[in-house]
C-alpha atoms as a PDB file:
ATOM      1  CA  MET A   1     -13.193 -18.535 -18.879  1.00  0.00           C
ATOM      2  CA  SER A   2     -13.013 -16.118 -15.930  1.00  0.00           C
ATOM      3  CA  LYS A   3      -9.575 -15.178 -14.612  1.00  0.00           C
ATOM      4  CA  GLN A   4     -10.117 -15.623 -10.865  1.00  0.00           C
ATOM      5  CA  LEU A   5      -6.631 -15.468  -9.330  1.00  0.00           C
ATOM      6  CA  SER A   6      -8.035 -16.229  -5.865  1.00  0.00           C
ATOM      7  CA  THR A   7      -8.373 -19.840  -7.016  1.00  0.00           C
ATOM      8  CA  MET A   8      -5.382 -19.849  -9.384  1.00  0.00           C
ATOM      9  CA  ILE A   9      -1.960 -21.399  -8.955  1.00  0.00           C
ATOM     10  CA  ILE A  10       0.895 -19.010  -9.752  1.00  0.00           C
ATOM     11  CA  HIS A  11       3.819 -20.639 -11.547  1.00  0.00           C
ATOM     12  CA  PHE A  12       7.012 -18.721 -10.846  1.00  0.00           C
ATOM     13  CA  GLU A  13      10.776 -18.792 -10.978  1.00  0.00           C
ATOM     14  CA  LYS A  14      13.111 -16.992  -8.585  1.00  0.00           C
ATOM     15  CA  TYR A  15      16.184 -15.132  -9.886  1.00  0.00           C
ATOM     16  CA  GLN A  16      18.830 -12.964  -8.267  1.00  0.00           C
ATOM     17  CA  GLY A  17      21.310 -10.457  -9.604  1.00  0.00           C
ATOM     18  CA  THR A  18      24.142  -9.749  -7.118  1.00  0.00           C
ATOM     19  CA  GLY A  19      21.743 -10.397  -4.252  1.00  0.00           C
ATOM     20  CA  ASN A  20      18.824  -8.376  -5.635  1.00  0.00           C
ATOM     21  CA  ASP A  21      16.128 -11.073  -5.849  1.00  0.00           C
ATOM     22  CA  PHE A  22      12.962 -11.275  -7.921  1.00  0.00           C
ATOM     23  CA  VAL A  23       9.888 -13.418  -8.500  1.00  0.00           C
ATOM     24  CA  MET A  24       9.589 -14.038 -12.258  1.00  0.00           C
ATOM     25  CA  ILE A  25       6.278 -14.831 -13.939  1.00  0.00           C
ATOM     26  CA  ASP A  26       5.741 -15.891 -17.543  1.00  0.00           C
ATOM     27  CA  ASN A  27       2.728 -13.847 -18.600  1.00  0.00           C
ATOM     28  CA  LEU A  28       3.113 -14.221 -22.360  1.00  0.00           C
ATOM     29  CA  SER A  29      -0.369 -15.770 -22.513  1.00  0.00           C
ATOM     30  CA  GLY A  30      -1.884 -12.998 -20.370  1.00  0.00           C
ATOM     31  CA  GLN A  31      -3.098 -15.409 -17.723  1.00  0.00           C
ATOM     32  CA  TYR A  32      -1.759 -13.223 -14.893  1.00  0.00           C
ATOM     33  CA  ASP A  33      -3.010  -9.879 -16.232  1.00  0.00           C
ATOM     34  CA  LEU A  34      -5.337  -9.472 -13.258  1.00  0.00           C
ATOM     35  CA  LEU A  35      -2.729 -10.055 -10.579  1.00  0.00           C
ATOM     36  CA  THR A  36      -3.455  -7.382  -7.969  1.00  0.00           C
ATOM     37  CA  ILE A  37      -1.082  -5.117  -6.052  1.00  0.00           C
ATOM     38  CA  GLU A  38      -2.049  -6.918  -2.841  1.00  0.00           C
ATOM     39  CA  GLN A  39      -1.274 -10.308  -4.389  1.00  0.00           C
ATOM     40  CA  ILE A  40       2.070  -9.066  -5.689  1.00  0.00           C
ATOM     41  CA  ALA A  41       3.010  -7.768  -2.241  1.00  0.00           C
ATOM     42  CA  HIS A  42       1.969 -11.124  -0.748  1.00  0.00           C
ATOM     43  CA  LEU A  43       4.106 -13.088  -3.220  1.00  0.00           C
ATOM     44  CA  CYS A  44       7.117 -10.886  -2.363  1.00  0.00           C
ATOM     45  CA  ASP A  45       6.619 -11.147   1.399  1.00  0.00           C
ATOM     46  CA  ARG A  46       9.614 -12.906   2.992  1.00  0.00           C
ATOM     47  CA  ARG A  47       7.557 -14.481   5.770  1.00  0.00           C
ATOM     48  CA  PHE A  48       4.217 -15.328   4.195  1.00  0.00           C
ATOM     49  CA  GLY A  49       5.110 -15.499   0.496  1.00  0.00           C
ATOM     50  CA  ILE A  50       7.971 -16.474  -1.784  1.00  0.00           C
ATOM     51  CA  GLY A  51      10.159 -13.586  -0.679  1.00  0.00           C
ATOM     52  CA  ALA A  52      11.752 -11.054  -3.036  1.00  0.00           C
ATOM     53  CA  ASP A  53      12.739  -7.434  -3.561  1.00  0.00           C
ATOM     54  CA  GLY A  54      10.341  -7.301  -6.499  1.00  0.00           C
ATOM     55  CA  LEU A  55       8.143  -9.175  -8.961  1.00  0.00           C
ATOM     56  CA  ILE A  56       8.396  -9.162 -12.754  1.00  0.00           C
ATOM     57  CA  LYS A  57       5.876 -10.262 -15.329  1.00  0.00           C
ATOM     58  CA  ILE A  58       7.177 -10.965 -18.825  1.00  0.00           C
ATOM     59  CA  ASN A  59       4.403  -9.731 -21.129  1.00  0.00           C
ATOM     60  CA  ARG A  60       3.887  -9.639 -24.862  1.00  0.00           C
ATOM     61  CA  VAL A  61       3.965  -6.135 -26.321  1.00  0.00           C
ATOM     62  CA  SER A  62       3.699  -4.997 -29.921  1.00  0.00           C
ATOM     63  CA  GLY A  63       6.947  -3.973 -31.593  1.00  0.00           C
ATOM     64  CA  TYR A  64       9.266  -5.489 -28.955  1.00  0.00           C
ATOM     65  CA  ASP A  65      10.549  -8.915 -27.993  1.00  0.00           C
ATOM     66  CA  PHE A  66       8.755  -8.616 -24.632  1.00  0.00           C
ATOM     67  CA  GLU A  67       7.788  -6.233 -21.832  1.00  0.00           C
ATOM     68  CA  VAL A  68       9.487  -6.178 -18.435  1.00  0.00           C
ATOM     69  CA  ASP A  69       6.565  -5.340 -16.128  1.00  0.00           C
ATOM     70  CA  TYR A  70       8.290  -4.609 -12.810  1.00  0.00           C
ATOM     71  CA  TYR A  71       6.795  -4.161  -9.327  1.00  0.00           C
ATOM     72  CA  ASN A  72       8.585  -3.376  -6.080  1.00  0.00           C
ATOM     73  CA  SER A  73       7.864  -5.653  -3.133  1.00  0.00           C
ATOM     74  CA  ASP A  74       5.160  -3.269  -1.922  1.00  0.00           C
ATOM     75  CA  GLY A  75       3.426  -3.431  -5.318  1.00  0.00           C
ATOM     76  CA  SER A  76       4.552   0.006  -6.534  1.00  0.00           C
ATOM     77  CA  LYS A  77       6.018   0.290 -10.036  1.00  0.00           C
ATOM     78  CA  SER A  78       9.397   1.542 -11.240  1.00  0.00           C
ATOM     79  CA  PHE A  79      12.275   0.549 -13.473  1.00  0.00           C
ATOM     80  CA  CYS A  80      14.819  -1.813 -11.928  1.00  0.00           C
ATOM     81  CA  GLY A  81      18.225  -2.389 -13.518  1.00  0.00           C
ATOM     82  CA  ASN A  82      19.035  -5.668 -11.792  1.00  0.00           C
ATOM     83  CA  GLY A  83      15.449  -6.802 -12.243  1.00  0.00           C
ATOM     84  CA  ALA A  84      15.640  -6.077 -15.961  1.00  0.00           C
ATOM     85  CA  ARG A  85      18.883  -8.047 -16.242  1.00  0.00           C
ATOM     86  CA  CYS A  86      17.294 -10.996 -14.453  1.00  0.00           C
ATOM     87  CA  ALA A  87      14.209 -10.642 -16.653  1.00  0.00           C
ATOM     88  CA  VAL A  88      16.356 -10.988 -19.763  1.00  0.00           C
ATOM     89  CA  LYS A  89      17.878 -14.219 -18.440  1.00  0.00           C
ATOM     90  CA  PHE A  90      14.418 -15.510 -17.491  1.00  0.00           C
ATOM     91  CA  ALA A  91      13.033 -14.574 -20.912  1.00  0.00           C
ATOM     92  CA  GLY A  92      15.649 -16.855 -22.443  1.00  0.00           C
ATOM     93  CA  SER A  93      14.515 -19.713 -20.216  1.00  0.00           C
ATOM     94  CA  ILE A  94      10.938 -19.440 -21.543  1.00  0.00           C
ATOM     95  CA  GLY A  95      12.033 -19.583 -25.167  1.00  0.00           C
ATOM     96  CA  LEU A  96      12.600 -15.963 -26.151  1.00  0.00           C
ATOM     97  CA  SER A  97      15.745 -14.899 -27.988  1.00  0.00           C
ATOM     98  CA  ILE A  98      18.084 -12.935 -25.701  1.00  0.00           C
ATOM     99  CA  ALA A  99      21.459 -12.947 -27.487  1.00  0.00           C
ATOM    100  CA  GLU A 100      20.287  -9.495 -28.568  1.00  0.00           C
ATOM    101  CA  CYS A 101      16.845  -8.233 -27.612  1.00  0.00           C
ATOM    102  CA  ARG A 102      14.651  -5.145 -27.359  1.00  0.00           C
ATOM    103  CA  PHE A 103      12.174  -4.842 -24.528  1.00  0.00           C
ATOM    104  CA  TRP A 104       9.796  -2.260 -23.140  1.00  0.00           C
ATOM    105  CA  GLY A 105      10.054  -1.031 -19.548  1.00  0.00           C
ATOM    106  CA  ILE A 106       8.157   1.581 -17.591  1.00  0.00           C
ATOM    107  CA  ASP A 107      10.763   4.183 -18.606  1.00  0.00           C
ATOM    108  CA  GLY A 108      10.782   3.257 -22.298  1.00  0.00           C
ATOM    109  CA  GLU A 109      12.730   1.072 -24.720  1.00  0.00           C
ATOM    110  CA  HIS A 110      15.811  -0.890 -23.679  1.00  0.00           C
ATOM    111  CA  ARG A 111      18.205  -3.173 -25.497  1.00  0.00           C
ATOM    112  CA  ALA A 112      20.157  -5.993 -23.922  1.00  0.00           C
ATOM    113  CA  GLN A 113      22.633  -8.705 -24.773  1.00  0.00           C
ATOM    114  CA  TYR A 114      23.409 -11.971 -23.046  1.00  0.00           C
ATOM    115  CA  LYS A 115      26.976 -13.155 -23.534  1.00  0.00           C
ATOM    116  CA  ASN A 116      29.692 -14.852 -21.481  1.00  0.00           C
ATOM    117  CA  ASP A 117      27.165 -15.512 -18.693  1.00  0.00           C
ATOM    118  CA  LEU A 118      26.560 -11.777 -18.236  1.00  0.00           C
ATOM    119  CA  VAL A 119      23.665  -9.505 -19.151  1.00  0.00           C
ATOM    120  CA  TYR A 120      24.614  -6.223 -20.830  1.00  0.00           C
ATOM    121  CA  LEU A 121      21.712  -3.845 -20.311  1.00  0.00           C
ATOM    122  CA  ASP A 122      21.446  -0.553 -22.185  1.00  0.00           C
ATOM    123  CA  MET A 123      20.170   2.213 -19.927  1.00  0.00           C
ATOM    124  CA  LEU A 124      18.500   5.396 -21.116  1.00  0.00           C
ATOM    125  CA  PRO A 125      20.618   8.544 -21.569  1.00  0.00           C
ATOM    126  CA  VAL A 126      20.997  10.866 -18.578  1.00  0.00           C
ATOM    127  CA  GLU A 127      20.995  14.607 -19.234  1.00  0.00           C
ATOM    128  CA  THR A 128      20.613  16.125 -15.782  1.00  0.00           C
ATOM    129  CA  VAL A 129      22.545  15.688 -12.537  1.00  0.00           C
ATOM    130  CA  GLU A 130      21.500  18.007  -9.707  1.00  0.00           C
ATOM    131  CA  SER A 131      24.247  18.874  -7.238  1.00  0.00           C
ATOM    132  CA  THR A 132      23.560  20.606  -3.908  1.00  0.00           C
ATOM    133  CA  ASN A 133      25.725  20.723  -0.781  1.00  0.00           C
ATOM    134  CA  GLY A 134      27.773  17.683  -1.733  1.00  0.00           C
ATOM    135  CA  VAL A 135      24.884  15.403  -2.650  1.00  0.00           C
ATOM    136  CA  PHE A 136      23.599  14.501  -6.110  1.00  0.00           C
ATOM    137  CA  ILE A 137      20.173  13.719  -7.516  1.00  0.00           C
ATOM    138  CA  LEU A 138      19.631  12.032 -10.877  1.00  0.00           C
ATOM    139  CA  ASN A 139      17.288   9.618 -12.619  1.00  0.00           C
ATOM    140  CA  THR A 140      18.723   6.431 -14.118  1.00  0.00           C
ATOM    141  CA  GLY A 141      15.335   4.817 -14.734  1.00  0.00           C
ATOM    142  CA  SER A 142      14.494   5.403 -11.076  1.00  0.00           C
ATOM    143  CA  PRO A 143      15.312   8.518  -9.036  1.00  0.00           C
ATOM    144  CA  HIS A 144      18.470   8.407  -6.921  1.00  0.00           C
ATOM    145  CA  PHE A 145      20.013  10.473  -4.142  1.00  0.00           C
ATOM    146  CA  VAL A 146      23.797   9.960  -3.990  1.00  0.00           C
ATOM    147  CA  LYS A 147      26.178  11.006  -1.225  1.00  0.00           C
ATOM    148  CA  LEU A 148      29.930  10.397  -1.273  1.00  0.00           C
ATOM    149  CA  VAL A 149      31.501   9.313   2.020  1.00  0.00           C
ATOM    150  CA  ASP A 150      35.031   8.587   3.198  1.00  0.00           C
ATOM    151  CA  GLN A 151      33.979   5.325   4.873  1.00  0.00           C
ATOM    152  CA  LEU A 152      30.751   3.386   4.354  1.00  0.00           C
ATOM    153  CA  THR A 153      30.880   1.966   7.876  1.00  0.00           C
ATOM    154  CA  THR A 154      30.384   5.354   9.567  1.00  0.00           C
ATOM    155  CA  GLN A 155      26.689   5.776   8.651  1.00  0.00           C
ATOM    156  CA  ASP A 156      23.692   3.427   8.884  1.00  0.00           C
ATOM    157  CA  ILE A 157      22.234   3.249   5.363  1.00  0.00           C
ATOM    158  CA  VAL A 158      18.734   2.305   6.555  1.00  0.00           C
ATOM    159  CA  GLU A 159      18.498   5.121   9.088  1.00  0.00           C
ATOM    160  CA  TYR A 160      20.022   7.632   6.680  1.00  0.00           C
ATOM    161  CA  GLY A 161      17.988   6.348   3.743  1.00  0.00           C
ATOM    162  CA  LYS A 162      14.713   6.752   5.618  1.00  0.00           C
ATOM    163  CA  SER A 163      15.632  10.277   6.693  1.00  0.00           C
ATOM    164  CA  ILE A 164      16.034  11.272   3.037  1.00  0.00           C
ATOM    165  CA  ARG A 165      13.278   9.156   1.467  1.00  0.00           C
ATOM    166  CA  TYR A 166      10.653  10.437   3.958  1.00  0.00           C
ATOM    167  CA  SER A 167      11.889  14.035   3.973  1.00  0.00           C
ATOM    168  CA  GLU A 168       9.464  16.754   2.897  1.00  0.00           C
ATOM    169  CA  ARG A 169      10.830  16.893  -0.635  1.00  0.00           C
ATOM    170  CA  PHE A 170      10.758  13.159  -1.388  1.00  0.00           C
ATOM    171  CA  LYS A 171       8.111  11.570   0.859  1.00  0.00           C
ATOM    172  CA  LYS A 172       5.335  11.641  -1.768  1.00  0.00           C
ATOM    173  CA  GLU A 173       7.101   9.930  -4.695  1.00  0.00           C
ATOM    174  CA  GLY A 174      10.030   8.440  -2.790  1.00  0.00           C
ATOM    175  CA  ILE A 175      13.667   8.260  -3.825  1.00  0.00           C
ATOM    176  CA  ASN A 176      16.416   5.647  -3.641  1.00  0.00           C
ATOM    177  CA  VAL A 177      19.318   6.666  -1.404  1.00  0.00           C
ATOM    178  CA  ASN A 178      22.950   5.694  -1.993  1.00  0.00           C
ATOM    179  CA  LEU A 179      26.158   6.082  -0.020  1.00  0.00           C
ATOM    180  CA  VAL A 180      29.268   5.660  -2.165  1.00  0.00           C
ATOM    181  CA  GLN A 181      32.955   5.330  -1.345  1.00  0.00           C
ATOM    182  CA  LYS A 182      35.656   5.655  -3.994  1.00  0.00           C
ATOM    183  CA  LYS A 183      38.118   2.770  -3.615  1.00  0.00           C
ATOM    184  CA  ALA A 184      40.280   3.279  -6.718  1.00  0.00           C
ATOM    185  CA  ALA A 185      40.196   5.200  -9.989  1.00  0.00           C
ATOM    186  CA  ASP A 186      37.874   2.607 -11.531  1.00  0.00           C
ATOM    187  CA  LEU A 187      36.274   1.102  -8.398  1.00  0.00           C
ATOM    188  CA  ILE A 188      33.531   2.321  -6.101  1.00  0.00           C
ATOM    189  CA  GLU A 189      31.653   0.596  -3.282  1.00  0.00           C
ATOM    190  CA  ILE A 190      28.045   1.457  -2.529  1.00  0.00           C
ATOM    191  CA  GLU A 191      25.168   0.851  -0.142  1.00  0.00           C
ATOM    192  CA  THR A 192      21.562   1.482  -1.171  1.00  0.00           C
ATOM    193  CA  TYR A 193      18.235   2.058   0.534  1.00  0.00           C
ATOM    194  CA  GLU A 194      15.424   1.380  -1.948  1.00  0.00           C
ATOM    195  CA  ARG A 195      11.992   2.960  -2.020  1.00  0.00           C
ATOM    196  CA  GLY A 196       9.262   0.384  -2.569  1.00  0.00           C
ATOM    197  CA  VAL A 197      11.292  -2.149  -0.595  1.00  0.00           C
ATOM    198  CA  GLU A 198      11.762   0.442   2.192  1.00  0.00           C
ATOM    199  CA  ASP A 199      14.959  -1.198   3.356  1.00  0.00           C
ATOM    200  CA  GLU A 200      18.533  -1.774   2.309  1.00  0.00           C
ATOM    201  CA  THR A 201      18.992  -4.132  -0.626  1.00  0.00           C
ATOM    202  CA  LEU A 202      22.136  -6.139  -1.329  1.00  0.00           C
ATOM    203  CA  SER A 203      22.363  -4.554  -4.768  1.00  0.00           C
ATOM    204  CA  CYS A 204      20.675  -1.895  -6.891  1.00  0.00           C
ATOM    205  CA  GLY A 205      21.389  -1.664 -10.609  1.00  0.00           C
ATOM    206  CA  THR A 206      20.013   1.821 -11.170  1.00  0.00           C
ATOM    207  CA  GLY A 207      21.817   2.882  -7.990  1.00  0.00           C
ATOM    208  CA  ALA A 208      25.132   1.445  -9.191  1.00  0.00           C
ATOM    209  CA  THR A 209      24.616   3.328 -12.437  1.00  0.00           C
ATOM    210  CA  ALA A 210      23.784   6.582 -10.673  1.00  0.00           C
ATOM    211  CA  CYS A 211      26.860   6.361  -8.431  1.00  0.00           C
ATOM    212  CA  ALA A 212      29.187   5.647 -11.357  1.00  0.00           C
ATOM    213  CA  LEU A 213      27.844   8.660 -13.253  1.00  0.00           C
ATOM    214  CA  VAL A 214      28.200  10.927 -10.232  1.00  0.00           C
ATOM    215  CA  LEU A 215      31.874   9.972 -10.006  1.00  0.00           C
ATOM    216  CA  ALA A 216      32.316  11.014 -13.630  1.00  0.00           C
ATOM    217  CA  THR A 217      30.719  14.410 -13.038  1.00  0.00           C
ATOM    218  CA  LEU A 218      32.905  15.030  -9.986  1.00  0.00           C
ATOM    219  CA  GLU A 219      36.100  14.221 -11.848  1.00  0.00           C
ATOM    220  CA  ASN A 220      34.920  15.548 -15.221  1.00  0.00           C
ATOM    221  CA  ARG A 221      35.721  12.207 -16.885  1.00  0.00           C
ATOM    222  CA  THR A 222      34.628  12.967 -20.408  1.00  0.00           C
ATOM    223  CA  GLY A 223      34.845  10.139 -22.929  1.00  0.00           C
ATOM    224  CA  ASP A 224      34.224   6.404 -22.628  1.00  0.00           C
ATOM    225  CA  TYR A 225      34.766   4.694 -19.289  1.00  0.00           C
ATOM    226  CA  GLU A 226      33.923   1.532 -17.366  1.00  0.00           C
ATOM    227  CA  ILE A 227      33.573   1.600 -13.584  1.00  0.00           C
ATOM    228  CA  ASN A 228      33.551  -1.445 -11.301  1.00  0.00           C
ATOM    229  CA  VAL A 229      30.902  -1.232  -8.612  1.00  0.00           C
ATOM    230  CA  LYS A 230      31.119  -3.355  -5.474  1.00  0.00           C
ATOM    231  CA  VAL A 231      27.764  -4.014  -3.814  1.00  0.00           C
ATOM    232  CA  LYS A 232      27.034  -6.200  -0.804  1.00  0.00           C
ATOM    233  CA  GLY A 233      25.753  -8.966  -3.073  1.00  0.00           C
ATOM    234  CA  GLY A 234      28.630  -9.028  -5.559  1.00  0.00           C
ATOM    235  CA  ASN A 235      30.119  -6.963  -8.363  1.00  0.00           C
ATOM    236  CA  LEU A 236      28.680  -4.963 -11.258  1.00  0.00           C
ATOM    237  CA  LYS A 237      30.144  -2.846 -14.036  1.00  0.00           C
ATOM    238  CA  VAL A 238      28.813   0.405 -15.448  1.00  0.00           C
ATOM    239  CA  ALA A 239      30.025   1.589 -18.853  1.00  0.00           C
ATOM    240  CA  TYR A 240      29.207   5.033 -20.197  1.00  0.00           C
ATOM    241  CA  ALA A 241      30.207   7.912 -22.447  1.00  0.00           C
ATOM    242  CA  TYR A 242      30.354  11.239 -20.600  1.00  0.00           C
ATOM    243  CA  LEU A 243      29.743  14.206 -22.878  1.00  0.00           C
ATOM    244  CA  GLY A 244      30.294  16.848 -20.219  1.00  0.00           C
ATOM    245  CA  ASN A 245      27.713  19.199 -18.702  1.00  0.00           C
ATOM    246  CA  ASN A 246      26.076  16.340 -16.742  1.00  0.00           C
ATOM    247  CA  SER A 247      25.139  14.528 -19.970  1.00  0.00           C
ATOM    248  CA  PHE A 248      25.682  10.792 -20.521  1.00  0.00           C
ATOM    249  CA  GLU A 249      24.943   8.331 -23.311  1.00  0.00           C
ATOM    250  CA  ASN A 250      25.774   4.704 -24.223  1.00  0.00           C
ATOM    251  CA  ILE A 251      25.206   3.715 -20.590  1.00  0.00           C
ATOM    252  CA  GLN A 252      25.365  -0.017 -19.877  1.00  0.00           C
ATOM    253  CA  LEU A 253      24.768  -1.954 -16.665  1.00  0.00           C
ATOM    254  CA  ILE A 254      26.696  -5.234 -16.791  1.00  0.00           C
ATOM    255  CA  GLY A 255      26.459  -8.161 -14.413  1.00  0.00           C
ATOM    256  CA  PRO A 256      25.295 -11.709 -13.683  1.00  0.00           C
ATOM    257  CA  ALA A 257      21.723 -12.966 -13.400  1.00  0.00           C
ATOM    258  CA  GLU A 258      21.173 -16.351 -11.790  1.00  0.00           C
ATOM    259  CA  PHE A 259      18.292 -18.794 -11.433  1.00  0.00           C
ATOM    260  CA  VAL A 260      17.596 -19.736  -7.805  1.00  0.00           C
ATOM    261  CA  PHE A 261      14.520 -22.005  -7.748  1.00  0.00           C
ATOM    262  CA  LYS A 262      11.042 -22.427  -9.166  1.00  0.00           C
ATOM    263  CA  GLY A 263       7.687 -23.478  -7.810  1.00  0.00           C
ATOM    264  CA  THR A 264       3.973 -22.807  -7.531  1.00  0.00           C
ATOM    265  CA  MET A 265       1.918 -20.845  -5.061  1.00  0.00           C
ATOM    266  CA  HIS A 266      -1.807 -20.238  -4.522  1.00  0.00           C
ATOM    267  CA  VAL A 267      -2.973 -16.636  -4.308  1.00  0.00           C
END
């Protein structure tokens, strides 16, 4: 039987994690393997499609409980922390075990737990944090540019984000841009401009992680810590062990993942 998605109905569910929203597709049978970049962008379009920051297919993959196959709203690929957390919750809704699970993402293997209505997502270790002129660049599954500010309200994140993302250094591959304000010893507030969405998002999991780690490097917080991160869409936690010398392990992104609605759409 030919897989002609132009005449196929897409069955989807919509999830959000602190305001970061995603179209979820059960692709365990492989029926959506041929979904094109153009179709993905159409499904994510907020005027002509379902509307989302990204789309995730849950695929079967050898050696793991499932694969989180993530696409930004423009169809480009990356790893997404909030998307992965929502994918874990969705995977449970389609019959996969998520109390403890191992999944494959574009950046490699991840483990996650679902407990007390929260998803605990293990992130990959970080071994390099670049610091230049008061800004920081690091990769937490996706590349991030982090700048500390005294007040978030003094700079437009979209205007500033575009100026960095489309600068000579980053315009080819793109980079996510974060402004972060320290509110207390264990609390930061952030705003994020995301590549692939090319706009501000209400939350960014890899961005929250990046900002929490930058704070540790600035204050040389070696050892185990947990930082609360306030985003426009809610609250996240980032736990980590800082080994010193810009090296981190046992990084976890912790937060809610919620079902919004489900439906079908022709593509």
